[in-house]
N, C-alpha and C. Protein backbone atom coordinates (compact mmCIF):
# COMPACT_ATOMS: atom_id res chain seq x y z
N UNK A 1 60.99 22.07 -2.75
CA UNK A 1 60.90 20.77 -3.39
C UNK A 1 59.99 19.87 -2.54
N UNK A 2 59.05 19.21 -3.20
CA UNK A 2 58.14 18.33 -2.48
C UNK A 2 58.67 16.91 -2.47
N UNK A 3 58.19 16.14 -1.53
CA UNK A 3 58.52 14.72 -1.47
C UNK A 3 57.75 14.02 -2.58
N UNK A 4 58.43 13.34 -3.48
CA UNK A 4 57.79 12.70 -4.63
C UNK A 4 56.76 11.66 -4.21
N UNK A 5 56.86 11.11 -3.00
CA UNK A 5 55.88 10.12 -2.56
C UNK A 5 54.51 10.75 -2.32
N UNK A 6 54.46 12.08 -2.19
CA UNK A 6 53.20 12.79 -2.01
C UNK A 6 52.57 13.16 -3.35
N UNK A 7 53.26 12.88 -4.43
CA UNK A 7 52.79 13.26 -5.76
C UNK A 7 51.81 12.23 -6.31
N UNK A 8 51.15 12.60 -7.39
CA UNK A 8 50.18 11.74 -8.06
C UNK A 8 50.75 11.27 -9.38
N UNK A 9 50.57 10.00 -9.68
CA UNK A 9 50.89 9.48 -11.00
C UNK A 9 49.60 9.29 -11.77
N UNK A 10 49.61 9.62 -13.05
CA UNK A 10 48.46 9.45 -13.94
C UNK A 10 48.92 8.59 -15.10
N UNK A 11 48.17 7.52 -15.41
CA UNK A 11 48.51 6.64 -16.52
C UNK A 11 47.65 6.99 -17.72
N UNK A 12 48.32 7.26 -18.86
CA UNK A 12 47.63 7.55 -20.11
C UNK A 12 47.87 6.46 -21.12
N UNK A 13 46.82 6.07 -21.85
CA UNK A 13 46.93 4.99 -22.85
C UNK A 13 46.37 5.41 -24.20
N UNK A 14 45.76 6.58 -24.29
CA UNK A 14 45.20 7.11 -25.54
C UNK A 14 45.70 8.53 -25.71
N UNK A 15 44.78 9.44 -25.90
CA UNK A 15 45.17 10.83 -26.16
C UNK A 15 45.93 11.48 -25.01
N UNK A 16 45.77 10.97 -23.80
CA UNK A 16 46.55 11.52 -22.68
C UNK A 16 48.05 11.37 -22.91
N UNK A 17 48.45 10.36 -23.69
CA UNK A 17 49.88 10.15 -23.92
C UNK A 17 50.53 11.33 -24.64
N UNK A 18 49.85 11.91 -25.60
CA UNK A 18 50.45 13.01 -26.37
C UNK A 18 49.82 14.36 -26.06
N UNK A 19 48.68 14.38 -25.34
CA UNK A 19 48.03 15.64 -24.99
C UNK A 19 47.47 15.54 -23.57
N UNK A 20 48.36 15.52 -22.57
CA UNK A 20 47.86 15.34 -21.21
C UNK A 20 46.97 16.51 -20.74
N UNK A 21 47.35 17.74 -21.03
CA UNK A 21 46.52 18.88 -20.66
C UNK A 21 46.65 19.32 -19.22
N UNK A 22 47.63 18.81 -18.50
CA UNK A 22 47.86 19.20 -17.11
C UNK A 22 49.37 19.28 -16.89
N UNK A 23 49.80 20.09 -15.90
CA UNK A 23 51.24 20.19 -15.63
C UNK A 23 51.77 18.93 -14.95
N UNK A 24 52.97 18.53 -15.35
CA UNK A 24 53.61 17.36 -14.75
C UNK A 24 55.10 17.62 -14.65
N UNK A 25 55.76 16.88 -13.76
CA UNK A 25 57.19 17.07 -13.54
C UNK A 25 58.02 15.89 -14.01
N UNK A 26 57.35 14.80 -14.37
CA UNK A 26 58.05 13.63 -14.87
C UNK A 26 57.12 12.86 -15.79
N UNK A 27 57.70 12.33 -16.87
CA UNK A 27 56.95 11.54 -17.86
C UNK A 27 57.75 10.28 -18.13
N UNK A 28 57.12 9.10 -17.94
CA UNK A 28 57.82 7.83 -18.13
C UNK A 28 56.95 6.88 -18.94
N UNK A 29 57.59 6.07 -19.77
CA UNK A 29 56.87 4.96 -20.39
C UNK A 29 56.52 4.00 -19.25
N UNK A 30 55.35 3.36 -19.36
CA UNK A 30 54.89 2.51 -18.27
C UNK A 30 54.01 1.38 -18.80
N UNK A 31 53.87 0.34 -17.99
CA UNK A 31 53.00 -0.80 -18.32
C UNK A 31 51.99 -1.00 -17.20
N UNK A 32 50.76 -1.23 -17.62
CA UNK A 32 49.67 -1.57 -16.70
C UNK A 32 49.31 -3.02 -16.97
N UNK A 33 49.42 -3.86 -15.97
CA UNK A 33 49.08 -5.27 -16.11
C UNK A 33 47.62 -5.49 -15.70
N UNK A 34 46.96 -6.40 -16.41
CA UNK A 34 45.59 -6.73 -16.09
C UNK A 34 44.55 -6.05 -16.95
N UNK A 35 45.00 -5.14 -17.82
CA UNK A 35 44.11 -4.43 -18.74
C UNK A 35 44.79 -4.29 -20.09
N UNK A 36 43.99 -4.18 -21.14
CA UNK A 36 44.53 -3.92 -22.47
C UNK A 36 43.73 -2.79 -23.14
N UNK A 37 44.40 -2.08 -24.03
CA UNK A 37 43.81 -0.99 -24.80
C UNK A 37 42.89 -1.60 -25.85
N UNK A 38 41.69 -1.03 -25.99
CA UNK A 38 40.71 -1.59 -26.90
C UNK A 38 39.75 -0.51 -27.40
N UNK A 39 39.35 -0.60 -28.66
CA UNK A 39 38.29 0.26 -29.18
C UNK A 39 36.97 -0.34 -28.68
N UNK A 40 36.57 0.04 -27.47
CA UNK A 40 35.45 -0.62 -26.81
C UNK A 40 34.42 0.34 -26.24
N UNK A 41 34.58 1.64 -26.49
CA UNK A 41 33.67 2.62 -25.91
C UNK A 41 32.98 3.41 -27.02
N UNK A 42 31.66 3.39 -27.01
CA UNK A 42 30.89 4.20 -27.95
C UNK A 42 30.97 5.66 -27.51
N UNK A 43 31.44 6.52 -28.38
CA UNK A 43 31.60 7.93 -28.05
C UNK A 43 30.35 8.71 -28.43
N UNK A 44 29.73 9.33 -27.43
CA UNK A 44 28.54 10.14 -27.66
C UNK A 44 28.82 11.63 -27.63
N UNK A 45 30.08 12.01 -27.34
CA UNK A 45 30.42 13.43 -27.21
C UNK A 45 31.65 13.77 -28.06
N UNK A 46 32.82 13.27 -27.67
CA UNK A 46 34.07 13.70 -28.30
C UNK A 46 34.21 13.26 -29.76
N UNK A 47 33.83 12.02 -30.07
CA UNK A 47 34.01 11.49 -31.42
C UNK A 47 32.72 10.95 -32.03
N UNK A 48 31.59 11.40 -31.50
CA UNK A 48 30.31 10.96 -32.03
C UNK A 48 29.18 11.63 -31.29
N UNK A 49 27.97 11.15 -31.54
CA UNK A 49 26.77 11.63 -30.88
C UNK A 49 25.96 10.41 -30.44
N UNK A 50 24.95 10.60 -29.60
CA UNK A 50 24.12 9.44 -29.24
C UNK A 50 23.46 8.79 -30.46
N UNK A 51 23.10 9.59 -31.46
CA UNK A 51 22.47 9.04 -32.67
C UNK A 51 23.47 8.40 -33.62
N UNK A 52 24.68 8.93 -33.65
CA UNK A 52 25.73 8.39 -34.52
C UNK A 52 27.03 8.32 -33.72
N UNK A 53 27.13 7.31 -32.87
CA UNK A 53 28.32 7.22 -32.03
C UNK A 53 29.58 6.89 -32.82
N UNK A 54 30.69 7.40 -32.31
CA UNK A 54 31.99 6.97 -32.78
C UNK A 54 32.47 5.86 -31.85
N UNK A 55 33.72 5.48 -31.99
CA UNK A 55 34.28 4.42 -31.15
C UNK A 55 35.65 4.89 -30.68
N UNK A 56 35.86 4.85 -29.38
CA UNK A 56 37.12 5.34 -28.82
C UNK A 56 37.75 4.28 -27.91
N UNK A 57 38.98 4.55 -27.54
CA UNK A 57 39.74 3.62 -26.71
C UNK A 57 39.24 3.58 -25.27
N UNK A 58 39.32 2.41 -24.72
CA UNK A 58 39.10 2.20 -23.31
C UNK A 58 40.04 1.10 -22.87
N UNK A 59 40.13 0.90 -21.59
CA UNK A 59 40.89 -0.22 -21.05
C UNK A 59 39.91 -1.30 -20.65
N UNK A 60 40.10 -2.49 -21.23
CA UNK A 60 39.29 -3.66 -20.90
C UNK A 60 40.14 -4.65 -20.12
N UNK A 61 39.48 -5.48 -19.34
CA UNK A 61 40.20 -6.46 -18.51
C UNK A 61 40.99 -7.46 -19.34
N UNK A 62 42.14 -7.84 -18.79
CA UNK A 62 42.99 -8.85 -19.39
C UNK A 62 44.17 -8.26 -20.12
N UNK A 63 45.27 -8.95 -20.07
CA UNK A 63 46.45 -8.55 -20.84
C UNK A 63 47.30 -7.49 -20.16
N UNK A 64 47.93 -6.68 -21.00
CA UNK A 64 48.86 -5.66 -20.54
C UNK A 64 48.79 -4.48 -21.49
N UNK A 65 48.93 -3.28 -20.96
CA UNK A 65 48.88 -2.07 -21.79
C UNK A 65 50.14 -1.24 -21.58
N UNK A 66 50.77 -0.89 -22.69
CA UNK A 66 51.89 0.04 -22.66
C UNK A 66 51.33 1.44 -22.81
N UNK A 67 51.76 2.33 -21.96
CA UNK A 67 51.30 3.72 -22.03
C UNK A 67 52.34 4.65 -21.46
N UNK A 68 51.88 5.78 -20.95
CA UNK A 68 52.76 6.79 -20.38
C UNK A 68 52.23 7.18 -19.01
N UNK A 69 53.13 7.28 -18.04
CA UNK A 69 52.77 7.73 -16.70
C UNK A 69 53.36 9.12 -16.47
N UNK A 70 52.55 9.99 -15.91
CA UNK A 70 52.95 11.37 -15.62
C UNK A 70 52.92 11.58 -14.11
N UNK A 71 53.97 12.19 -13.60
CA UNK A 71 54.01 12.53 -12.16
C UNK A 71 53.59 13.98 -11.99
N UNK A 72 52.58 14.17 -11.16
CA UNK A 72 52.02 15.49 -10.89
C UNK A 72 52.37 15.86 -9.45
N UNK A 73 52.93 17.04 -9.26
CA UNK A 73 53.30 17.47 -7.91
C UNK A 73 52.07 17.70 -7.04
N UNK A 74 52.28 17.50 -5.75
CA UNK A 74 51.20 17.56 -4.76
C UNK A 74 50.33 18.81 -4.91
N UNK A 75 50.93 19.97 -5.12
CA UNK A 75 50.13 21.20 -5.18
C UNK A 75 49.25 21.28 -6.43
N UNK A 76 49.48 20.41 -7.41
CA UNK A 76 48.69 20.39 -8.64
C UNK A 76 47.66 19.26 -8.69
N UNK A 77 47.63 18.42 -7.64
CA UNK A 77 46.78 17.22 -7.67
C UNK A 77 45.30 17.57 -7.80
N UNK A 78 44.78 18.44 -6.96
CA UNK A 78 43.35 18.75 -7.00
C UNK A 78 42.93 19.28 -8.36
N UNK A 79 43.70 20.22 -8.90
CA UNK A 79 43.36 20.80 -10.21
C UNK A 79 43.46 19.75 -11.31
N UNK A 80 44.46 18.87 -11.23
CA UNK A 80 44.64 17.83 -12.24
C UNK A 80 43.49 16.83 -12.21
N UNK A 81 43.12 16.37 -11.03
CA UNK A 81 42.02 15.42 -10.91
C UNK A 81 40.71 16.06 -11.40
N UNK A 82 40.49 17.30 -11.05
CA UNK A 82 39.29 18.01 -11.53
C UNK A 82 39.29 18.06 -13.06
N UNK A 83 40.41 18.45 -13.65
CA UNK A 83 40.53 18.51 -15.11
C UNK A 83 40.27 17.14 -15.75
N UNK A 84 40.88 16.09 -15.19
CA UNK A 84 40.71 14.75 -15.76
C UNK A 84 39.26 14.27 -15.65
N UNK A 85 38.61 14.57 -14.56
CA UNK A 85 37.20 14.18 -14.43
C UNK A 85 36.33 14.90 -15.46
N UNK A 86 36.61 16.16 -15.67
CA UNK A 86 35.87 16.92 -16.70
C UNK A 86 36.11 16.33 -18.08
N UNK A 87 37.32 15.94 -18.35
CA UNK A 87 37.71 15.42 -19.67
C UNK A 87 37.25 13.98 -19.89
N UNK A 88 37.47 13.12 -18.92
CA UNK A 88 37.25 11.68 -19.08
C UNK A 88 35.87 11.21 -18.65
N UNK A 89 35.20 11.97 -17.82
CA UNK A 89 33.96 11.50 -17.23
C UNK A 89 32.71 12.23 -17.75
N UNK A 90 32.75 12.72 -18.96
CA UNK A 90 31.63 13.46 -19.53
C UNK A 90 30.34 12.64 -19.45
N UNK A 91 30.41 11.36 -19.75
CA UNK A 91 29.23 10.49 -19.69
C UNK A 91 29.41 9.35 -18.67
N UNK A 92 30.41 9.43 -17.84
CA UNK A 92 30.68 8.46 -16.77
C UNK A 92 30.88 7.03 -17.28
N UNK A 93 31.44 6.89 -18.48
CA UNK A 93 31.68 5.55 -19.04
C UNK A 93 32.97 4.93 -18.49
N UNK A 94 33.79 5.73 -17.86
CA UNK A 94 35.04 5.21 -17.29
C UNK A 94 34.96 5.15 -15.77
N UNK A 95 35.62 4.16 -15.22
CA UNK A 95 35.75 4.04 -13.77
C UNK A 95 37.12 4.59 -13.38
N UNK A 96 37.14 5.44 -12.39
CA UNK A 96 38.40 6.01 -11.91
C UNK A 96 39.00 5.04 -10.90
N UNK A 97 40.23 4.62 -11.16
CA UNK A 97 40.90 3.64 -10.29
C UNK A 97 42.32 4.10 -9.99
N UNK A 98 42.87 3.60 -8.89
CA UNK A 98 44.29 3.75 -8.57
C UNK A 98 44.86 2.34 -8.70
N UNK A 99 45.71 2.16 -9.71
CA UNK A 99 46.23 0.83 -10.01
C UNK A 99 47.75 0.86 -10.08
N UNK A 100 48.40 -0.26 -9.79
CA UNK A 100 49.86 -0.31 -9.89
C UNK A 100 50.31 -0.35 -11.35
N UNK A 101 51.30 0.47 -11.65
CA UNK A 101 51.93 0.44 -12.97
C UNK A 101 53.43 0.32 -12.78
N UNK A 102 54.10 -0.27 -13.77
CA UNK A 102 55.55 -0.40 -13.73
C UNK A 102 56.14 0.61 -14.70
N UNK A 103 57.00 1.48 -14.16
CA UNK A 103 57.67 2.48 -14.99
C UNK A 103 58.85 1.86 -15.71
N UNK A 104 59.30 2.51 -16.77
CA UNK A 104 60.39 1.95 -17.58
C UNK A 104 61.73 1.90 -16.85
N UNK A 105 61.83 2.58 -15.71
CA UNK A 105 63.07 2.49 -14.93
C UNK A 105 62.97 1.43 -13.83
N UNK A 106 61.89 0.65 -13.83
CA UNK A 106 61.72 -0.44 -12.88
C UNK A 106 60.88 -0.11 -11.66
N UNK A 107 60.64 1.16 -11.40
CA UNK A 107 59.81 1.52 -10.25
C UNK A 107 58.37 1.07 -10.47
N UNK A 108 57.73 0.73 -9.35
CA UNK A 108 56.29 0.45 -9.36
C UNK A 108 55.61 1.57 -8.59
N UNK A 109 54.58 2.16 -9.20
CA UNK A 109 53.84 3.24 -8.55
C UNK A 109 52.35 2.97 -8.73
N UNK A 110 51.55 3.56 -7.86
CA UNK A 110 50.10 3.52 -8.04
C UNK A 110 49.74 4.76 -8.85
N UNK A 111 48.93 4.54 -9.88
CA UNK A 111 48.58 5.64 -10.78
C UNK A 111 47.06 5.76 -10.89
N UNK A 112 46.61 6.97 -11.14
CA UNK A 112 45.22 7.22 -11.46
C UNK A 112 45.00 6.73 -12.88
N UNK A 113 44.00 5.87 -13.07
CA UNK A 113 43.73 5.24 -14.36
C UNK A 113 42.23 5.27 -14.60
N UNK A 114 41.84 5.52 -15.85
CA UNK A 114 40.43 5.46 -16.22
C UNK A 114 40.21 4.21 -17.06
N UNK A 115 39.40 3.27 -16.52
CA UNK A 115 39.12 2.01 -17.21
C UNK A 115 37.66 2.01 -17.65
N UNK A 116 37.39 1.34 -18.75
CA UNK A 116 36.02 1.27 -19.27
C UNK A 116 35.14 0.47 -18.32
N UNK A 117 33.94 1.00 -18.08
CA UNK A 117 32.97 0.33 -17.22
C UNK A 117 32.14 -0.63 -18.07
N UNK A 118 32.35 -1.94 -17.92
CA UNK A 118 31.62 -2.90 -18.76
C UNK A 118 30.12 -2.92 -18.51
N UNK A 119 29.65 -2.28 -17.45
CA UNK A 119 28.22 -2.21 -17.16
C UNK A 119 27.55 -0.96 -17.75
N UNK A 120 28.36 -0.05 -18.28
CA UNK A 120 27.82 1.20 -18.82
C UNK A 120 27.21 0.96 -20.20
N UNK A 121 26.15 1.67 -20.52
CA UNK A 121 25.46 1.50 -21.81
C UNK A 121 26.35 1.82 -23.01
N UNK A 122 27.40 2.61 -22.82
CA UNK A 122 28.30 2.94 -23.93
C UNK A 122 29.43 1.93 -24.10
N UNK A 123 29.52 0.96 -23.23
CA UNK A 123 30.56 -0.04 -23.37
C UNK A 123 30.17 -0.99 -24.50
N UNK A 124 31.00 -1.02 -25.52
CA UNK A 124 30.70 -1.85 -26.70
C UNK A 124 31.35 -3.22 -26.62
N UNK A 125 32.37 -3.36 -25.79
CA UNK A 125 33.07 -4.64 -25.72
C UNK A 125 33.80 -4.94 -27.01
N UNK A 126 34.01 -6.21 -27.25
CA UNK A 126 34.70 -6.65 -28.46
C UNK A 126 33.68 -6.72 -29.60
N UNK A 127 33.96 -6.00 -30.67
CA UNK A 127 33.06 -5.95 -31.82
C UNK A 127 33.71 -6.58 -33.04
N UNK A 128 32.89 -7.06 -33.97
CA UNK A 128 33.45 -7.54 -35.25
C UNK A 128 34.14 -6.38 -35.97
N UNK A 129 35.17 -6.71 -36.73
CA UNK A 129 35.96 -5.68 -37.43
C UNK A 129 35.09 -4.76 -38.28
N UNK A 130 34.12 -5.30 -39.02
CA UNK A 130 33.26 -4.48 -39.87
C UNK A 130 32.48 -3.44 -39.06
N UNK A 131 32.06 -3.82 -37.86
CA UNK A 131 31.32 -2.88 -37.01
C UNK A 131 32.25 -1.81 -36.45
N UNK A 132 33.45 -2.19 -36.08
CA UNK A 132 34.45 -1.21 -35.63
C UNK A 132 34.69 -0.19 -36.74
N UNK A 133 34.91 -0.67 -37.94
CA UNK A 133 35.16 0.20 -39.08
C UNK A 133 33.99 1.15 -39.33
N UNK A 134 32.76 0.64 -39.28
CA UNK A 134 31.58 1.46 -39.51
C UNK A 134 31.47 2.57 -38.46
N UNK A 135 31.66 2.22 -37.19
CA UNK A 135 31.56 3.21 -36.12
C UNK A 135 32.65 4.27 -36.21
N UNK A 136 33.87 3.84 -36.50
CA UNK A 136 34.97 4.80 -36.62
C UNK A 136 34.74 5.74 -37.80
N UNK A 137 34.28 5.21 -38.92
CA UNK A 137 34.03 6.05 -40.10
C UNK A 137 32.92 7.06 -39.88
N UNK A 138 31.89 6.70 -39.13
CA UNK A 138 30.76 7.61 -38.94
C UNK A 138 31.00 8.61 -37.82
N UNK A 139 31.96 8.34 -36.94
CA UNK A 139 32.14 9.14 -35.74
C UNK A 139 32.60 10.56 -36.00
N UNK A 140 31.83 11.50 -35.48
CA UNK A 140 32.21 12.91 -35.50
C UNK A 140 31.52 13.58 -34.33
N UNK A 141 32.32 14.21 -33.46
CA UNK A 141 31.77 14.86 -32.27
C UNK A 141 32.44 16.19 -32.00
N UNK A 142 32.34 16.66 -30.77
CA UNK A 142 32.85 18.00 -30.43
C UNK A 142 34.39 18.08 -30.58
N UNK A 143 35.07 16.96 -30.53
CA UNK A 143 36.53 16.96 -30.71
C UNK A 143 36.95 16.62 -32.13
N UNK A 144 36.00 16.51 -33.03
CA UNK A 144 36.33 16.25 -34.43
C UNK A 144 35.96 14.86 -34.88
N UNK A 145 36.50 14.49 -36.03
CA UNK A 145 36.21 13.17 -36.62
C UNK A 145 36.96 12.08 -35.86
N UNK A 146 36.35 10.92 -35.89
CA UNK A 146 36.95 9.74 -35.27
C UNK A 146 38.20 9.41 -36.06
């Protein structure tokens, strides 16, 4: 048995919540303060192409986000981080951060979080509803339709 303080927490706010894709030993509902979930990232791979981008979730500054935190045991950390970088950093639109999250049992832990980079060319920011709808409807990439 490993010391849980040596383990890694990963915060998911989109597809990671229901399809993490890595082994974990604990799953908790959690809140991240200072960021909110937003359709703010133009997808050029998973849900669109550079010519016809889709629109996917990212974390933007401000507010609070409810998500899921996963505890990964120490011996799985390197493989998990490698997997997440391959999955989340295809076009480097997300910044990898270690941020404090509050678990549903009251514990506070630092978790690996991917936040949208507002300086990246794929960062769409806040868009009018009609534009969000257009991008979501047109989006189709290697992971399917938006």
